[in-house]
Amino acid sequence: MKFIDNTTIFVRAGKGGDGHISFRREKYVPKGGPDGGTGGKGGDVIFVASSHLATLLDFRYKKKYIAQDGQKGGQNNCTGKDGENLIVKVPVGTILFNADTNEQIVDLSTDNQSFTVAHGGNGGFGNTMFATPINQTPRFAKPGLEGEEFNINLELKLIANVGIVGLPNVGKSTLISVISAAKPKIADYPFTTLTPNLGIVKVADYKSYTVADIPGLIEGASEGKGLGIQFLRHIERTQVLVFLLDSMSFDPKQDYKLLKNELKKYNSAMLAKKRIICISRIDALTEEQLKAVKKLKFRDKDVEIFYISSVANLGIEELKFKMWELVQEVENI
């Protein structure tokens, strides 16, 4: 698989350096006091969101991420060098969970957003720190503290303004290839799309938005059937939903009802999003069939319906601008 959107890794911050035990050894100072330095701090493990990454594929092959330990303290009250922080880059839209408690740690939803997941241990005090008027020559020091460690579950949710949802083989990939520069695999059989596709749609200079082509949903998808909930999560972040229905379907209204039901069962908040009903492949219909399709009444009265053909480029420009309009409405709320 080229697209990985869920994986588990182990992270450990660096251990603090041990404190040092030593005494001054200078000419004419036969009984110098303690001069053992403190150990350096262990490195942190810091996650950073990067727009240059698209999947969690790298984490499939590397499972352990361990920051550098701090160095030991030295004589002459020298503090050990701190361990270097470990920077772990992940795609924008990655959510980190504690794999043992399933508690969400952070949602890295913006480019260059960073979060320290595991903090390095502090360095141990050298014997200088334990000198007192009573004990002027302490012969002990503290060891450095261990760094934090966690099993982390990484979950990627694509961030797109518009999500195109529909049953398998209704033309989602063809539509995204027409309205954007995305080049998804297209073929005439169900489940051609096995990974979400992301495209940028330009409507004018400095006016663009992102569209995600979500792999086909089937009845029971919210319970893991077909491609299951592994792709439903990618719709959660979208601002606008486009329900793509096949005009050649036996019952487009039932298809729409099925899609809405699966979204509702997965997360009822999905149906609160702005949405468009889009009936595709109208170029394959006769005039009588097209008239019959246009007479279909959907219960959602406020939802606009578009009749398109990606192949014949019918209704595409109008659909692009409607998507842009709804995205703007959401962003200006």
C-alpha atoms as a PDB file:
ATOM      1  CA  MET A   1       0.000   0.000   0.000  1.00  0.00           C
ATOM      2  CA  LYS A   2       1.238   3.490  -0.813  1.00  0.00           C
ATOM      3  CA  PHE A   3      -1.226   5.298   1.415  1.00  0.00           C
ATOM      4  CA  ILE A   4      -0.935   4.597   5.123  1.00  0.00           C
ATOM      5  CA  ASP A   5      -3.239   6.513   7.446  1.00  0.00           C
ATOM      6  CA  ASN A   6      -2.970   4.644  10.740  1.00  0.00           C
ATOM      7  CA  THR A   7       0.012   3.154  12.531  1.00  0.00           C
ATOM      8  CA  THR A   8       1.585   2.757  15.979  1.00  0.00           C
ATOM      9  CA  ILE A   9       5.121   3.707  16.990  1.00  0.00           C
ATOM     10  CA  PHE A  10       7.252   3.871  20.137  1.00  0.00           C
ATOM     11  CA  VAL A  11       8.867   7.136  21.230  1.00  0.00           C
ATOM     12  CA  ARG A  12      11.321   7.733  24.046  1.00  0.00           C
ATOM     13  CA  ALA A  13      12.943  10.978  25.116  1.00  0.00           C
ATOM     14  CA  GLY A  14      16.581  11.057  26.125  1.00  0.00           C
ATOM     15  CA  LYS A  15      17.810  10.195  29.618  1.00  0.00           C
ATOM     16  CA  GLY A  16      19.408  12.984  31.621  1.00  0.00           C
ATOM     17  CA  GLY A  17      23.159  12.741  32.075  1.00  0.00           C
ATOM     18  CA  ASP A  18      24.487  11.557  35.442  1.00  0.00           C
ATOM     19  CA  GLY A  19      25.974  14.017  37.876  1.00  0.00           C
ATOM     20  CA  HIS A  20      29.765  13.893  38.331  1.00  0.00           C
ATOM     21  CA  ILE A  21      31.786  13.248  41.472  1.00  0.00           C
ATOM     22  CA  SER A  22      35.120  15.056  41.579  1.00  0.00           C
ATOM     23  CA  PHE A  23      37.220  17.398  43.734  1.00  0.00           C
ATOM     24  CA  ARG A  24      39.439  20.314  42.923  1.00  0.00           C
ATOM     25  CA  ARG A  25      43.045  19.302  42.391  1.00  0.00           C
ATOM     26  CA  GLU A  26      45.038  22.503  42.216  1.00  0.00           C
ATOM     27  CA  LYS A  27      48.565  23.382  43.274  1.00  0.00           C
ATOM     28  CA  TYR A  28      48.662  24.703  46.827  1.00  0.00           C
ATOM     29  CA  VAL A  29      45.080  23.540  47.390  1.00  0.00           C
ATOM     30  CA  PRO A  30      45.637  20.132  48.975  1.00  0.00           C
ATOM     31  CA  LYS A  31      42.020  19.688  50.037  1.00  0.00           C
ATOM     32  CA  GLY A  32      39.969  21.303  47.292  1.00  0.00           C
ATOM     33  CA  GLY A  33      36.208  21.188  47.565  1.00  0.00           C
ATOM     34  CA  PRO A  34      33.793  19.291  45.310  1.00  0.00           C
ATOM     35  CA  ASP A  35      33.590  20.404  41.703  1.00  0.00           C
ATOM     36  CA  GLY A  36      31.475  17.715  40.034  1.00  0.00           C
ATOM     37  CA  GLY A  37      29.106  19.155  37.411  1.00  0.00           C
ATOM     38  CA  THR A  38      25.457  18.433  36.674  1.00  0.00           C
ATOM     39  CA  GLY A  39      24.478  16.134  33.798  1.00  0.00           C
ATOM     40  CA  GLY A  40      22.877  17.502  30.634  1.00  0.00           C
ATOM     41  CA  LYS A  41      19.156  17.256  29.935  1.00  0.00           C
ATOM     42  CA  GLY A  42      17.919  14.475  27.666  1.00  0.00           C
ATOM     43  CA  GLY A  43      16.555  15.415  24.253  1.00  0.00           C
ATOM     44  CA  ASP A  44      12.825  15.812  23.683  1.00  0.00           C
ATOM     45  CA  VAL A  45      10.762  14.051  21.005  1.00  0.00           C
ATOM     46  CA  ILE A  46       8.968  16.757  19.036  1.00  0.00           C
ATOM     47  CA  PHE A  47       6.375  16.113  16.325  1.00  0.00           C
ATOM     48  CA  VAL A  48       6.030  18.689  13.548  1.00  0.00           C
ATOM     49  CA  ALA A  49       3.271  18.820  10.899  1.00  0.00           C
ATOM     50  CA  SER A  50       4.567  19.172   7.348  1.00  0.00           C
ATOM     51  CA  SER A  51       2.580  19.931   4.207  1.00  0.00           C
ATOM     52  CA  HIS A  52       5.300  18.155   2.212  1.00  0.00           C
ATOM     53  CA  LEU A  53       4.173  14.758   3.526  1.00  0.00           C
ATOM     54  CA  ALA A  54       0.997  12.991   2.424  1.00  0.00           C
ATOM     55  CA  THR A  55       1.012   9.600   4.171  1.00  0.00           C
ATOM     56  CA  LEU A  56       2.338   7.793   7.234  1.00  0.00           C
ATOM     57  CA  LEU A  57       4.168   5.298   5.039  1.00  0.00           C
ATOM     58  CA  ASP A  58       7.595   5.922   6.604  1.00  0.00           C
ATOM     59  CA  PHE A  59       6.259   4.905  10.006  1.00  0.00           C
ATOM     60  CA  ARG A  60       5.317   1.484   8.666  1.00  0.00           C
ATOM     61  CA  TYR A  61       9.010   0.616   8.396  1.00  0.00           C
ATOM     62  CA  LYS A  62      10.496   2.526  11.327  1.00  0.00           C
ATOM     63  CA  LYS A  63       8.741   1.939  14.624  1.00  0.00           C
ATOM     64  CA  LYS A  64      11.098   3.339  17.274  1.00  0.00           C
ATOM     65  CA  TYR A  65      12.004   7.008  17.728  1.00  0.00           C
ATOM     66  CA  ILE A  66      14.500   7.668  20.522  1.00  0.00           C
ATOM     67  CA  ALA A  67      16.026  11.051  21.340  1.00  0.00           C
ATOM     68  CA  GLN A  68      19.646  11.523  22.384  1.00  0.00           C
ATOM     69  CA  ASP A  69      20.688  11.165  26.048  1.00  0.00           C
ATOM     70  CA  GLY A  70      22.260  14.054  27.910  1.00  0.00           C
ATOM     71  CA  GLN A  71      25.990  13.809  28.609  1.00  0.00           C
ATOM     72  CA  LYS A  72      27.435  13.276  32.052  1.00  0.00           C
ATOM     73  CA  GLY A  73      28.603  16.206  34.121  1.00  0.00           C
ATOM     74  CA  GLY A  74      32.337  16.877  34.302  1.00  0.00           C
ATOM     75  CA  GLN A  75      34.902  18.177  36.722  1.00  0.00           C
ATOM     76  CA  ASN A  76      35.468  21.901  37.325  1.00  0.00           C
ATOM     77  CA  ASN A  77      31.667  22.224  37.663  1.00  0.00           C
ATOM     78  CA  CYS A  78      31.178  21.559  33.963  1.00  0.00           C
ATOM     79  CA  THR A  79      27.590  20.785  33.037  1.00  0.00           C
ATOM     80  CA  GLY A  80      27.113  17.959  30.562  1.00  0.00           C
ATOM     81  CA  LYS A  81      25.875  18.749  27.080  1.00  0.00           C
ATOM     82  CA  ASP A  82      22.118  18.461  26.538  1.00  0.00           C
ATOM     83  CA  GLY A  83      20.924  15.685  24.256  1.00  0.00           C
ATOM     84  CA  GLU A  84      19.661  16.769  20.845  1.00  0.00           C
ATOM     85  CA  ASN A  85      15.916  16.920  20.356  1.00  0.00           C
ATOM     86  CA  LEU A  86      14.444  14.423  17.925  1.00  0.00           C
ATOM     87  CA  ILE A  87      12.200  16.081  15.334  1.00  0.00           C
ATOM     88  CA  VAL A  88       9.594  13.741  13.844  1.00  0.00           C
ATOM     89  CA  LYS A  89       7.734  15.102  10.812  1.00  0.00           C
ATOM     90  CA  VAL A  90       4.193  13.941  10.060  1.00  0.00           C
ATOM     91  CA  PRO A  91       1.582  14.993   7.471  1.00  0.00           C
ATOM     92  CA  VAL A  92      -0.720  17.884   8.272  1.00  0.00           C
ATOM     93  CA  GLY A  93      -3.912  16.366   9.667  1.00  0.00           C
ATOM     94  CA  THR A  94      -2.205  13.754  11.868  1.00  0.00           C
ATOM     95  CA  ILE A  95      -3.735  13.086  15.272  1.00  0.00           C
ATOM     96  CA  LEU A  96      -1.581  11.543  18.004  1.00  0.00           C
ATOM     97  CA  PHE A  97      -3.107   9.210  20.592  1.00  0.00           C
ATOM     98  CA  ASN A  98      -1.602   7.465  23.597  1.00  0.00           C
ATOM     99  CA  ALA A  99      -1.861   3.890  22.328  1.00  0.00           C
ATOM    100  CA  ASP A 100      -2.170   2.468  25.868  1.00  0.00           C
ATOM    101  CA  THR A 101      -4.989   4.745  27.095  1.00  0.00           C
ATOM    102  CA  ASN A 102      -6.447   5.818  23.713  1.00  0.00           C
ATOM    103  CA  GLU A 103      -6.322   9.419  24.985  1.00  0.00           C
ATOM    104  CA  GLN A 104      -5.804  12.069  22.311  1.00  0.00           C
ATOM    105  CA  ILE A 105      -2.505  13.886  22.745  1.00  0.00           C
ATOM    106  CA  VAL A 106      -2.600  16.487  19.974  1.00  0.00           C
ATOM    107  CA  ASP A 107      -4.178  17.228  16.604  1.00  0.00           C
ATOM    108  CA  LEU A 108      -1.529  18.586  14.227  1.00  0.00           C
ATOM    109  CA  SER A 109      -3.882  20.311  11.808  1.00  0.00           C
ATOM    110  CA  THR A 110      -1.783  23.239  10.524  1.00  0.00           C
ATOM    111  CA  ASP A 111       1.479  23.378   8.626  1.00  0.00           C
ATOM    112  CA  ASN A 112       4.600  23.669  10.859  1.00  0.00           C
ATOM    113  CA  GLN A 113       2.551  23.133  14.033  1.00  0.00           C
ATOM    114  CA  SER A 114       4.746  21.394  16.598  1.00  0.00           C
ATOM    115  CA  PHE A 115       4.190  19.567  19.863  1.00  0.00           C
ATOM    116  CA  THR A 116       6.582  18.008  22.364  1.00  0.00           C
ATOM    117  CA  VAL A 117       5.262  14.506  22.927  1.00  0.00           C
ATOM    118  CA  ALA A 118       7.990  13.143  25.212  1.00  0.00           C
ATOM    119  CA  HIS A 119      10.145  15.334  27.454  1.00  0.00           C
ATOM    120  CA  GLY A 120      13.761  14.467  28.136  1.00  0.00           C
ATOM    121  CA  GLY A 121      14.891  13.675  31.668  1.00  0.00           C
ATOM    122  CA  ASN A 122      16.722  16.287  33.716  1.00  0.00           C
ATOM    123  CA  GLY A 123      20.400  15.808  34.378  1.00  0.00           C
ATOM    124  CA  GLY A 124      21.515  14.570  37.777  1.00  0.00           C
ATOM    125  CA  PHE A 125      23.231  16.972  40.176  1.00  0.00           C
ATOM    126  CA  GLY A 126      26.990  16.688  40.605  1.00  0.00           C
ATOM    127  CA  ASN A 127      28.504  16.450  44.087  1.00  0.00           C
ATOM    128  CA  THR A 128      29.055  20.228  44.136  1.00  0.00           C
ATOM    129  CA  MET A 129      25.322  20.666  44.689  1.00  0.00           C
ATOM    130  CA  PHE A 130      25.376  18.581  47.875  1.00  0.00           C
ATOM    131  CA  ALA A 131      28.145  20.421  49.720  1.00  0.00           C
ATOM    132  CA  THR A 132      27.041  21.806  53.106  1.00  0.00           C
ATOM    133  CA  PRO A 133      28.861  23.332  56.058  1.00  0.00           C
ATOM    134  CA  ILE A 134      28.552  19.957  57.756  1.00  0.00           C
ATOM    135  CA  ASN A 135      29.442  17.788  54.746  1.00  0.00           C
ATOM    136  CA  GLN A 136      31.978  19.761  52.764  1.00  0.00           C
ATOM    137  CA  THR A 137      33.218  16.795  50.711  1.00  0.00           C
ATOM    138  CA  PRO A 138      30.141  14.892  49.512  1.00  0.00           C
ATOM    139  CA  ARG A 139      31.131  11.759  47.670  1.00  0.00           C
ATOM    140  CA  PHE A 140      27.880  11.154  45.891  1.00  0.00           C
ATOM    141  CA  ALA A 141      25.952  12.576  42.935  1.00  0.00           C
ATOM    142  CA  LYS A 142      22.522  12.031  41.428  1.00  0.00           C
ATOM    143  CA  PRO A 143      21.912   9.939  38.323  1.00  0.00           C
ATOM    144  CA  GLY A 144      20.029  11.559  35.443  1.00  0.00           C
ATOM    145  CA  LEU A 145      16.290  11.021  35.195  1.00  0.00           C
ATOM    146  CA  GLU A 146      14.804   8.778  32.533  1.00  0.00           C
ATOM    147  CA  GLY A 147      13.035  10.466  29.610  1.00  0.00           C
ATOM    148  CA  GLU A 148       9.326   9.975  29.003  1.00  0.00           C
ATOM    149  CA  GLU A 149       8.313   7.124  26.739  1.00  0.00           C
ATOM    150  CA  PHE A 150       5.043   6.261  25.058  1.00  0.00           C
ATOM    151  CA  ASN A 151       3.444   4.011  22.502  1.00  0.00           C
ATOM    152  CA  ILE A 152       1.849   6.475  20.097  1.00  0.00           C
ATOM    153  CA  ASN A 153      -0.946   5.791  17.658  1.00  0.00           C
ATOM    154  CA  LEU A 154      -0.821   8.040  14.599  1.00  0.00           C
ATOM    155  CA  GLU A 155      -4.055   8.622  12.705  1.00  0.00           C
ATOM    156  CA  LEU A 156      -4.140  10.709   9.539  1.00  0.00           C
ATOM    157  CA  LYS A 157      -7.270  12.552   8.481  1.00  0.00           C
ATOM    158  CA  LEU A 158      -6.966  14.349   5.176  1.00  0.00           C
ATOM    159  CA  ILE A 159      -7.721  18.045   5.349  1.00  0.00           C
ATOM    160  CA  ALA A 160      -9.809  19.171   2.401  1.00  0.00           C
ATOM    161  CA  ASN A 161     -12.415  21.871   1.896  1.00  0.00           C
ATOM    162  CA  VAL A 162     -14.713  19.598  -0.096  1.00  0.00           C
ATOM    163  CA  GLY A 163     -15.249  15.859   0.181  1.00  0.00           C
ATOM    164  CA  ILE A 164     -16.777  13.877  -2.704  1.00  0.00           C
ATOM    165  CA  VAL A 165     -18.690  10.859  -1.430  1.00  0.00           C
ATOM    166  CA  GLY A 166     -20.625   8.230  -3.298  1.00  0.00           C
ATOM    167  CA  LEU A 167     -21.106   4.540  -3.909  1.00  0.00           C
ATOM    168  CA  PRO A 168     -18.343   2.624  -5.715  1.00  0.00           C
ATOM    169  CA  ASN A 169     -17.899   3.344  -9.406  1.00  0.00           C
ATOM    170  CA  VAL A 170     -20.107   6.434  -9.678  1.00  0.00           C
ATOM    171  CA  GLY A 171     -17.401   8.632 -11.202  1.00  0.00           C
ATOM    172  CA  LYS A 172     -15.750  10.306  -8.194  1.00  0.00           C
ATOM    173  CA  SER A 173     -12.232   9.827  -9.532  1.00  0.00           C
ATOM    174  CA  THR A 174     -13.239  11.034 -12.993  1.00  0.00           C
ATOM    175  CA  LEU A 175     -14.799  14.162 -11.502  1.00  0.00           C
ATOM    176  CA  ILE A 176     -11.739  15.056  -9.421  1.00  0.00           C
ATOM    177  CA  SER A 177      -9.480  14.495 -12.440  1.00  0.00           C
ATOM    178  CA  VAL A 178     -11.595  16.976 -14.443  1.00  0.00           C
ATOM    179  CA  ILE A 179     -11.884  19.748 -11.864  1.00  0.00           C
ATOM    180  CA  SER A 180      -8.302  19.538 -10.564  1.00  0.00           C
ATOM    181  CA  ALA A 181      -4.827  18.427 -11.574  1.00  0.00           C
ATOM    182  CA  ALA A 182      -5.138  15.174  -9.598  1.00  0.00           C
ATOM    183  CA  LYS A 183      -4.579  12.020 -11.681  1.00  0.00           C
ATOM    184  CA  PRO A 184      -6.269   9.154  -9.841  1.00  0.00           C
ATOM    185  CA  LYS A 185      -6.548   5.635 -11.220  1.00  0.00           C
ATOM    186  CA  ILE A 186      -9.791   5.322 -13.182  1.00  0.00           C
ATOM    187  CA  ALA A 187     -11.425   2.095 -14.351  1.00  0.00           C
ATOM    188  CA  ASP A 188     -14.930   0.724 -14.853  1.00  0.00           C
ATOM    189  CA  TYR A 189     -15.181  -1.550 -11.845  1.00  0.00           C
ATOM    190  CA  PRO A 190     -16.040  -1.058  -8.152  1.00  0.00           C
ATOM    191  CA  PHE A 191     -13.386   0.036  -5.662  1.00  0.00           C
ATOM    192  CA  THR A 192     -10.969   1.358  -8.264  1.00  0.00           C
ATOM    193  CA  THR A 193     -10.014   3.982  -5.713  1.00  0.00           C
ATOM    194  CA  LEU A 194      -8.326   2.309  -2.759  1.00  0.00           C
ATOM    195  CA  THR A 195      -6.833   5.464  -1.276  1.00  0.00           C
ATOM    196  CA  PRO A 196      -8.202   9.005  -0.936  1.00  0.00           C
ATOM    197  CA  ASN A 197      -7.166  11.406  -3.685  1.00  0.00           C
ATOM    198  CA  LEU A 198      -6.562  15.076  -3.012  1.00  0.00           C
ATOM    199  CA  GLY A 199      -6.788  17.769  -5.681  1.00  0.00           C
ATOM    200  CA  ILE A 200      -6.618  21.560  -5.806  1.00  0.00           C
ATOM    201  CA  VAL A 201      -9.415  23.299  -7.719  1.00  0.00           C
ATOM    202  CA  LYS A 202      -8.663  26.756  -9.081  1.00  0.00           C
ATOM    203  CA  VAL A 203     -11.622  29.005  -9.853  1.00  0.00           C
ATOM    204  CA  ALA A 204      -9.726  32.290 -10.391  1.00  0.00           C
ATOM    205  CA  ASP A 205      -6.399  33.933  -9.603  1.00  0.00           C
ATOM    206  CA  TYR A 206      -5.650  33.434  -5.902  1.00  0.00           C
ATOM    207  CA  LYS A 207      -8.931  31.596  -5.479  1.00  0.00           C
ATOM    208  CA  SER A 208      -8.685  27.857  -4.962  1.00  0.00           C
ATOM    209  CA  TYR A 209      -9.790  25.081  -2.638  1.00  0.00           C
ATOM    210  CA  THR A 210      -8.935  21.446  -2.013  1.00  0.00           C
ATOM    211  CA  VAL A 211     -11.161  18.501  -2.883  1.00  0.00           C
ATOM    212  CA  ALA A 212     -10.859  14.942  -1.576  1.00  0.00           C
ATOM    213  CA  ASP A 213     -12.172  11.958  -3.531  1.00  0.00           C
ATOM    214  CA  ILE A 214     -13.169   9.489  -0.815  1.00  0.00           C
ATOM    215  CA  PRO A 215     -13.166   5.787  -1.797  1.00  0.00           C
ATOM    216  CA  GLY A 216     -16.624   4.336  -2.446  1.00  0.00           C
ATOM    217  CA  LEU A 217     -18.916   3.741   0.507  1.00  0.00           C
ATOM    218  CA  ILE A 218     -21.310   0.840   0.743  1.00  0.00           C
ATOM    219  CA  GLU A 219     -24.056  -0.096   3.154  1.00  0.00           C
ATOM    220  CA  GLY A 220     -22.418  -1.073   6.442  1.00  0.00           C
ATOM    221  CA  ALA A 221     -19.304   1.046   5.820  1.00  0.00           C
ATOM    222  CA  SER A 222     -19.711   2.673   9.241  1.00  0.00           C
ATOM    223  CA  GLU A 223     -19.384  -0.812  10.732  1.00  0.00           C
ATOM    224  CA  GLY A 224     -16.258  -1.658   8.762  1.00  0.00           C
ATOM    225  CA  LYS A 225     -17.713  -3.283   5.646  1.00  0.00           C
ATOM    226  CA  GLY A 226     -16.125  -2.691   2.263  1.00  0.00           C
ATOM    227  CA  LEU A 227     -13.343  -0.180   2.680  1.00  0.00           C
ATOM    228  CA  GLY A 228     -14.978   0.639   5.993  1.00  0.00           C
ATOM    229  CA  ILE A 229     -14.411   3.367   8.520  1.00  0.00           C
ATOM    230  CA  GLN A 230     -10.738   3.676   7.592  1.00  0.00           C
ATOM    231  CA  PHE A 231     -11.825   6.230   4.974  1.00  0.00           C
ATOM    232  CA  LEU A 232     -14.884   7.711   6.661  1.00  0.00           C
ATOM    233  CA  ARG A 233     -12.503   9.539   9.009  1.00  0.00           C
ATOM    234  CA  HIS A 234     -11.197  11.571   6.073  1.00  0.00           C
ATOM    235  CA  ILE A 235     -14.619  13.169   5.557  1.00  0.00           C
ATOM    236  CA  GLU A 236     -14.776  14.514   9.123  1.00  0.00           C
ATOM    237  CA  ARG A 237     -12.524  17.508   8.427  1.00  0.00           C
ATOM    238  CA  THR A 238     -14.180  18.619   5.182  1.00  0.00           C
ATOM    239  CA  GLN A 239     -16.285  21.774   5.175  1.00  0.00           C
ATOM    240  CA  VAL A 240     -18.573  20.812   2.280  1.00  0.00           C
ATOM    241  CA  LEU A 241     -19.834  17.425   1.103  1.00  0.00           C
ATOM    242  CA  VAL A 242     -20.709  16.582  -2.499  1.00  0.00           C
ATOM    243  CA  PHE A 243     -22.960  13.526  -2.753  1.00  0.00           C
ATOM    244  CA  LEU A 244     -22.244  12.067  -6.183  1.00  0.00           C
ATOM    245  CA  LEU A 245     -25.108   9.900  -7.450  1.00  0.00           C
ATOM    246  CA  ASP A 246     -25.186   7.850 -10.650  1.00  0.00           C
ATOM    247  CA  SER A 247     -27.997   8.852 -12.994  1.00  0.00           C
ATOM    248  CA  MET A 248     -27.958   5.273 -14.323  1.00  0.00           C
ATOM    249  CA  SER A 249     -28.654   3.846 -10.860  1.00  0.00           C
ATOM    250  CA  PHE A 250     -31.862   1.918 -10.302  1.00  0.00           C
ATOM    251  CA  ASP A 251     -32.778   4.323  -7.457  1.00  0.00           C
ATOM    252  CA  PRO A 252     -30.611   7.467  -6.946  1.00  0.00           C
ATOM    253  CA  LYS A 253     -32.828   8.600  -4.066  1.00  0.00           C
ATOM    254  CA  GLN A 254     -32.168   5.347  -2.197  1.00  0.00           C
ATOM    255  CA  ASP A 255     -28.444   5.694  -2.888  1.00  0.00           C
ATOM    256  CA  TYR A 256     -28.502   9.162  -1.344  1.00  0.00           C
ATOM    257  CA  LYS A 257     -30.392   7.868   1.677  1.00  0.00           C
ATOM    258  CA  LEU A 258     -27.871   5.046   2.124  1.00  0.00           C
ATOM    259  CA  LEU A 259     -24.904   7.449   2.001  1.00  0.00           C
ATOM    260  CA  LYS A 260     -26.466   9.810   4.509  1.00  0.00           C
ATOM    261  CA  ASN A 261     -27.283   6.926   6.823  1.00  0.00           C
ATOM    262  CA  GLU A 262     -23.697   5.641   6.835  1.00  0.00           C
ATOM    263  CA  LEU A 263     -22.330   9.113   7.559  1.00  0.00           C
ATOM    264  CA  LYS A 264     -24.853   9.605  10.341  1.00  0.00           C
ATOM    265  CA  LYS A 265     -24.006   6.279  11.983  1.00  0.00           C
ATOM    266  CA  TYR A 266     -20.304   7.081  11.876  1.00  0.00           C
ATOM    267  CA  ASN A 267     -20.655  10.674  13.112  1.00  0.00           C
ATOM    268  CA  SER A 268     -24.007  12.478  13.166  1.00  0.00           C
ATOM    269  CA  ALA A 269     -22.241  15.847  12.915  1.00  0.00           C
ATOM    270  CA  MET A 270     -21.426  14.965   9.299  1.00  0.00           C
ATOM    271  CA  LEU A 271     -24.951  15.799   8.188  1.00  0.00           C
ATOM    272  CA  ALA A 272     -24.667  19.311   9.597  1.00  0.00           C
ATOM    273  CA  LYS A 273     -22.121  20.178   6.905  1.00  0.00           C
ATOM    274  CA  LYS A 274     -22.999  22.177   3.812  1.00  0.00           C
ATOM    275  CA  ARG A 275     -23.720  19.795   0.961  1.00  0.00           C
ATOM    276  CA  ILE A 276     -24.520  19.456  -2.704  1.00  0.00           C
ATOM    277  CA  ILE A 277     -26.336  16.674  -4.531  1.00  0.00           C
ATOM    278  CA  CYS A 278     -24.653  15.933  -7.832  1.00  0.00           C
ATOM    279  CA  ILE A 279     -26.121  13.512 -10.369  1.00  0.00           C
ATOM    280  CA  SER A 280     -23.493  12.282 -12.806  1.00  0.00           C
ATOM    281  CA  ARG A 281     -23.239  10.714 -16.266  1.00  0.00           C
ATOM    282  CA  ILE A 282     -26.153  12.612 -17.746  1.00  0.00           C
ATOM    283  CA  ASP A 283     -24.469  12.353 -21.166  1.00  0.00           C
ATOM    284  CA  ALA A 284     -25.462   8.673 -21.201  1.00  0.00           C
ATOM    285  CA  LEU A 285     -29.175   9.468 -20.799  1.00  0.00           C
ATOM    286  CA  THR A 286     -31.830  10.009 -23.409  1.00  0.00           C
ATOM    287  CA  GLU A 287     -33.896  13.173 -23.180  1.00  0.00           C
ATOM    288  CA  GLU A 288     -36.761  11.229 -21.630  1.00  0.00           C
ATOM    289  CA  GLN A 289     -34.478   9.624 -19.053  1.00  0.00           C
ATOM    290  CA  LEU A 290     -32.938  13.006 -18.169  1.00  0.00           C
ATOM    291  CA  LYS A 291     -36.396  14.504 -17.682  1.00  0.00           C
ATOM    292  CA  ALA A 292     -37.272  11.618 -15.355  1.00  0.00           C
ATOM    293  CA  VAL A 293     -34.085  12.108 -13.335  1.00  0.00           C
ATOM    294  CA  LYS A 294     -34.723  15.831 -12.980  1.00  0.00           C
ATOM    295  CA  LYS A 295     -38.187  15.091 -11.602  1.00  0.00           C
ATOM    296  CA  LEU A 296     -36.682  13.186  -8.649  1.00  0.00           C
ATOM    297  CA  LYS A 297     -37.523  14.923  -5.396  1.00  0.00           C
ATOM    298  CA  PHE A 298     -35.065  14.710  -2.527  1.00  0.00           C
ATOM    299  CA  ARG A 299     -36.185  15.482   1.010  1.00  0.00           C
ATOM    300  CA  ASP A 300     -33.422  18.039   1.562  1.00  0.00           C
ATOM    301  CA  LYS A 301     -35.157  21.055   0.054  1.00  0.00           C
ATOM    302  CA  ASP A 302     -32.320  23.500   0.775  1.00  0.00           C
ATOM    303  CA  VAL A 303     -29.694  21.346  -0.931  1.00  0.00           C
ATOM    304  CA  GLU A 304     -28.931  22.384  -4.507  1.00  0.00           C
ATOM    305  CA  ILE A 305     -28.878  19.667  -7.187  1.00  0.00           C
ATOM    306  CA  PHE A 306     -26.437  19.655 -10.114  1.00  0.00           C
ATOM    307  CA  TYR A 307     -26.670  17.459 -13.202  1.00  0.00           C
ATOM    308  CA  ILE A 308     -23.233  16.836 -14.676  1.00  0.00           C
ATOM    309  CA  SER A 309     -21.100  14.793 -17.011  1.00  0.00           C
ATOM    310  CA  SER A 310     -17.385  14.736 -16.272  1.00  0.00           C
ATOM    311  CA  VAL A 311     -16.615  13.134 -19.632  1.00  0.00           C
ATOM    312  CA  ALA A 312     -18.686  15.612 -21.675  1.00  0.00           C
ATOM    313  CA  ASN A 313     -17.816  18.522 -19.351  1.00  0.00           C
ATOM    314  CA  LEU A 314     -21.472  19.335 -18.707  1.00  0.00           C
ATOM    315  CA  GLY A 315     -22.279  21.402 -15.621  1.00  0.00           C
ATOM    316  CA  ILE A 316     -18.701  21.204 -14.339  1.00  0.00           C
ATOM    317  CA  GLU A 317     -17.945  24.940 -14.160  1.00  0.00           C
ATOM    318  CA  GLU A 318     -21.192  25.660 -12.351  1.00  0.00           C
ATOM    319  CA  LEU A 319     -20.427  22.903  -9.849  1.00  0.00           C
ATOM    320  CA  LYS A 320     -16.891  24.219  -9.233  1.00  0.00           C
ATOM    321  CA  PHE A 321     -18.173  27.697  -8.434  1.00  0.00           C
ATOM    322  CA  LYS A 322     -20.914  26.363  -6.174  1.00  0.00           C
ATOM    323  CA  MET A 323     -18.329  24.419  -4.195  1.00  0.00           C
ATOM    324  CA  TRP A 324     -16.262  27.610  -3.867  1.00  0.00           C
ATOM    325  CA  GLU A 325     -19.317  29.572  -2.764  1.00  0.00           C
ATOM    326  CA  LEU A 326     -20.171  27.094   0.015  1.00  0.00           C
ATOM    327  CA  VAL A 327     -16.554  26.894   1.194  1.00  0.00           C
ATOM    328  CA  GLN A 328     -16.531  30.679   1.507  1.00  0.00           C
ATOM    329  CA  GLU A 329     -19.785  30.605   3.433  1.00  0.00           C
ATOM    330  CA  VAL A 330     -18.351  28.151   5.951  1.00  0.00           C
ATOM    331  CA  GLU A 331     -15.057  30.012   6.348  1.00  0.00           C
ATOM    332  CA  ASN A 332     -16.834  33.319   6.927  1.00  0.00           C
ATOM    333  CA  ILE A 333     -19.156  32.026   9.620  1.00  0.00           C
END
